[in-house]
Amino acid sequence: MATDGIWPSGRLTWSQPASDAGPVDLHIDQPHSARIYDYLLGGKDHFPADREAAEKALAGFPHARTTARQNRAFMIRAARHVAEAGVRQFLDIGTGIPTSPNLHEIVQGIAPDAQIVYTDNDPIVLTHARALLTGSPAGRAVYLDADLHDVEAILDSAVLRDTIDFSRPVGLFVVAVLHFFPDGDDPYGILRRLVESLPAGSYLALTHGTSDFDPAVDAQGEQAYRNRGIPLRLRRRAEIERFFDGLDLLDPGVRPVHRWRPDDSVPAGLKDAEVGIYGAVARRP
């Protein structure tokens, strides 16, 4: 469950560009995908416009809360795997509003010296980052306020380059992000540029919403987002597999997230149509 806007204390150091020191406009009259996701997870960092959009999505796709929770559970399992594989640097694209456990808690629980860069473009996430500039003797986590549509700005950022050594493997997490990128935004090209920046031995963990299991219901949920100005493009399995071109998929490949190396966080009897999102982890050869 989400915390009350406070990330757990511990191995966390927030950094941000000095230019981010001014007032933040939260645009509370406009729904935002990160705040809708927080609402679905049971968090408290959302506004009436976000709740309205979420309820409309739930009306079209009643299992949206299950989707959000199983997506989060996948992230936890994937993060453990990548950290246990020896990766000590992580780039989390579209991190969203703080929800425990988050990536830094998982990987630094395995490797206290792990380095994490969180990036998002939601002003409420930036607000949390400003409130959490706390030092730590072990490991590091920094926040970069950036938009994935401008991938070069992320890759060229001093915040990123000062934290991650691109001569060593990196764990790239792009979780529940690219279904908000319509085809005209070139999501394949954006992800390819990110992956190409990573050295051999790096990992990509990705999840993406799909309409494979209940197309009529999923179309209603998709339209509910679009009606509120949030582009949502659910993709079929073959389309999602394209994001992993050139990478070595780990077993069991691209699967509904609750079927990717499940543990006791997955309820017995959970159906694919109740989850509606694919996930996978792959290694760059």
Foldseek 3Di string as FASTA:
>chain_A
DADQLAADDALEAADEDPVPPDDFDQPQVAADPLQLLCVLCVHDPHHPNSVVLNVQLCVLQVLVSVQSLLLVVLVLVVLLVLLVVPDQEEEEEAQGGGGPPGNLVRNCVVVQQGEYEYEDQRRSNVVSSVVPRDHHPHHYYYYYNDDLLPLVCVVPDPVVVVGDDQVDAYEYEAGAPCQQPPVVSVPLVSLVVVVVSHDFFYKYKYKFFACVPPVRSVVSSQVSCVVSPGHGHHHDPVVVVSSQPQWAWDPPGKDQSCPGPHDPSRDPPDDSSSNRMIITMTGHD
